[in-house]
C-alpha atoms as a PDB file:
ATOM      1  CA  UNK A   1       9.827   7.315 -20.350  1.00  0.00           C
ATOM      2  CA  UNK A   2       6.421   7.566 -18.670  1.00  0.00           C
ATOM      3  CA  UNK A   3       6.637   5.339 -15.578  1.00  0.00           C
ATOM      4  CA  UNK A   4       3.203   3.693 -15.853  1.00  0.00           C
ATOM      5  CA  UNK A   5       4.108   1.315 -13.046  1.00  0.00           C
ATOM      6  CA  UNK A   6       3.898   4.097 -10.452  1.00  0.00           C
ATOM      7  CA  UNK A   7       0.402   5.052 -11.592  1.00  0.00           C
ATOM      8  CA  UNK A   8      -0.602   1.391 -11.657  1.00  0.00           C
ATOM      9  CA  UNK A   9       0.693   0.364  -8.235  1.00  0.00           C
ATOM     10  CA  UNK A  10      -0.355   3.403  -6.184  1.00  0.00           C
ATOM     11  CA  UNK A  11      -4.115   2.616  -6.073  1.00  0.00           C
ATOM     12  CA  UNK A  12      -3.388  -1.042  -5.344  1.00  0.00           C
ATOM     13  CA  UNK A  13      -1.154  -0.184  -2.379  1.00  0.00           C
ATOM     14  CA  UNK A  14      -3.655   2.364  -1.106  1.00  0.00           C
ATOM     15  CA  UNK A  15      -6.604  -0.004  -1.370  1.00  0.00           C
ATOM     16  CA  UNK A  16      -4.780  -2.904   0.285  1.00  0.00           C
ATOM     17  CA  UNK A  17      -3.481  -0.859   3.220  1.00  0.00           C
ATOM     18  CA  UNK A  18      -6.784   0.891   3.891  1.00  0.00           C
ATOM     19  CA  UNK A  19      -8.802  -2.327   3.506  1.00  0.00           C
ATOM     20  CA  UNK A  20      -6.523  -4.217   5.902  1.00  0.00           C
ATOM     21  CA  UNK A  21      -6.836  -1.515   8.564  1.00  0.00           C
ATOM     22  CA  UNK A  22     -10.611  -1.316   8.065  1.00  0.00           C
ATOM     23  CA  UNK A  23     -10.989  -5.113   8.233  1.00  0.00           C
ATOM     24  CA  UNK A  24      -9.105  -5.116  11.520  1.00  0.00           C
ATOM     25  CA  UNK A  25     -11.375  -2.268  12.700  1.00  0.00           C
ATOM     26  CA  UNK A  26      -8.388  -0.114  13.564  1.00  0.00           C
ATOM     27  CA  UNK A  27      -8.648   3.575  14.256  1.00  0.00           C
ATOM     28  CA  UNK A  28      -6.381   5.842  12.222  1.00  0.00           C
ATOM     29  CA  UNK A  29      -4.102   6.138  15.250  1.00  0.00           C
ATOM     30  CA  UNK A  30      -3.909   2.358  15.660  1.00  0.00           C
ATOM     31  CA  UNK A  31      -3.245   1.801  11.958  1.00  0.00           C
ATOM     32  CA  UNK A  32      -0.560   4.488  11.982  1.00  0.00           C
ATOM     33  CA  UNK A  33       1.072   2.852  14.990  1.00  0.00           C
ATOM     34  CA  UNK A  34       1.168  -0.551  13.272  1.00  0.00           C
ATOM     35  CA  UNK A  35       2.697   1.060  10.180  1.00  0.00           C
ATOM     36  CA  UNK A  36       5.167   3.034  12.346  1.00  0.00           C
ATOM     37  CA  UNK A  37       4.059   6.387  10.911  1.00  0.00           C
ATOM     38  CA  UNK A  38       2.356   9.375  12.473  1.00  0.00           C
ATOM     39  CA  UNK A  39      -1.400   9.869  12.175  1.00  0.00           C
ATOM     40  CA  UNK A  40      -0.986  12.754   9.718  1.00  0.00           C
ATOM     41  CA  UNK A  41       1.041  10.531   7.377  1.00  0.00           C
ATOM     42  CA  UNK A  42      -1.607   7.816   7.666  1.00  0.00           C
ATOM     43  CA  UNK A  43      -4.295  10.366   6.886  1.00  0.00           C
ATOM     44  CA  UNK A  44      -2.411  11.382   3.721  1.00  0.00           C
ATOM     45  CA  UNK A  45      -1.954   7.740   2.806  1.00  0.00           C
ATOM     46  CA  UNK A  46      -5.612   6.938   3.408  1.00  0.00           C
ATOM     47  CA  UNK A  47      -6.816   9.901   1.365  1.00  0.00           C
ATOM     48  CA  UNK A  48      -4.546   8.964  -1.533  1.00  0.00           C
ATOM     49  CA  UNK A  49      -2.489  12.146  -1.253  1.00  0.00           C
ATOM     50  CA  UNK A  50       0.710  10.204  -0.687  1.00  0.00           C
ATOM     51  CA  UNK A  51       2.158   6.775  -1.228  1.00  0.00           C
ATOM     52  CA  UNK A  52       3.825   4.654   1.418  1.00  0.00           C
ATOM     53  CA  UNK A  53       7.559   4.352   1.815  1.00  0.00           C
ATOM     54  CA  UNK A  54       9.379   1.051   1.516  1.00  0.00           C
ATOM     55  CA  UNK A  55       9.628   0.902   5.308  1.00  0.00           C
ATOM     56  CA  UNK A  56       5.898   1.493   5.714  1.00  0.00           C
ATOM     57  CA  UNK A  57       5.230  -1.206   3.133  1.00  0.00           C
ATOM     58  CA  UNK A  58       7.316  -3.666   5.151  1.00  0.00           C
ATOM     59  CA  UNK A  59       5.435  -2.843   8.346  1.00  0.00           C
ATOM     60  CA  UNK A  60       2.192  -3.309   6.410  1.00  0.00           C
ATOM     61  CA  UNK A  61       3.315  -6.778   5.316  1.00  0.00           C
ATOM     62  CA  UNK A  62       4.397  -7.674   8.854  1.00  0.00           C
ATOM     63  CA  UNK A  63       1.583  -6.154  10.914  1.00  0.00           C
ATOM     64  CA  UNK A  64      -1.526  -5.758   8.748  1.00  0.00           C
ATOM     65  CA  UNK A  65      -1.406  -7.937   5.655  1.00  0.00           C
ATOM     66  CA  UNK A  66      -3.375 -11.173   6.022  1.00  0.00           C
ATOM     67  CA  UNK A  67      -1.653 -12.914   3.105  1.00  0.00           C
ATOM     68  CA  UNK A  68       1.697 -11.319   2.194  1.00  0.00           C
ATOM     69  CA  UNK A  69       2.471 -13.848  -0.554  1.00  0.00           C
ATOM     70  CA  UNK A  70      -0.824 -13.168  -2.313  1.00  0.00           C
ATOM     71  CA  UNK A  71      -0.226  -9.420  -1.962  1.00  0.00           C
ATOM     72  CA  UNK A  72       3.237  -9.728  -3.522  1.00  0.00           C
ATOM     73  CA  UNK A  73       1.934 -11.877  -6.378  1.00  0.00           C
ATOM     74  CA  UNK A  74      -0.837  -9.382  -7.141  1.00  0.00           C
ATOM     75  CA  UNK A  75       1.634  -6.496  -7.011  1.00  0.00           C
ATOM     76  CA  UNK A  76       3.978  -8.388  -9.334  1.00  0.00           C
ATOM     77  CA  UNK A  77       1.175  -8.892 -11.848  1.00  0.00           C
ATOM     78  CA  UNK A  78       0.228  -5.204 -11.787  1.00  0.00           C
ATOM     79  CA  UNK A  79       3.850  -4.123 -12.247  1.00  0.00           C
ATOM     80  CA  UNK A  80       4.437  -6.643 -15.034  1.00  0.00           C
ATOM     81  CA  UNK A  81       1.413  -5.384 -16.930  1.00  0.00           C
ATOM     82  CA  UNK A  82       2.486  -1.783 -16.437  1.00  0.00           C
ATOM     83  CA  UNK A  83       5.988  -2.512 -17.734  1.00  0.00           C
ATOM     84  CA  UNK A  84       4.505  -4.162 -20.831  1.00  0.00           C
ATOM     85  CA  UNK A  85       2.554  -0.971 -21.531  1.00  0.00           C
ATOM     86  CA  UNK A  86       5.700   1.078 -21.016  1.00  0.00           C
ATOM     87  CA  UNK A  87       7.698  -0.992 -23.488  1.00  0.00           C
END
């Protein structure tokens, strides 16, 4: 099984987190603080080298995301499409 959903959701998560921090004009240190991660981890996240943890995702939804319901609906759509490809 080739988990297409991971490949599909990673750029979405990256783009949403980075865009939210940029829109709020946060420095990397400020964004990292709001996500409760260190600046190195944020740097890896921002560069696309790593993906966020579930805890980081929750802090994103609480502290940075302007519209969590819209974010969840968009994520659901991406994952649904990826699962259809997988099946």
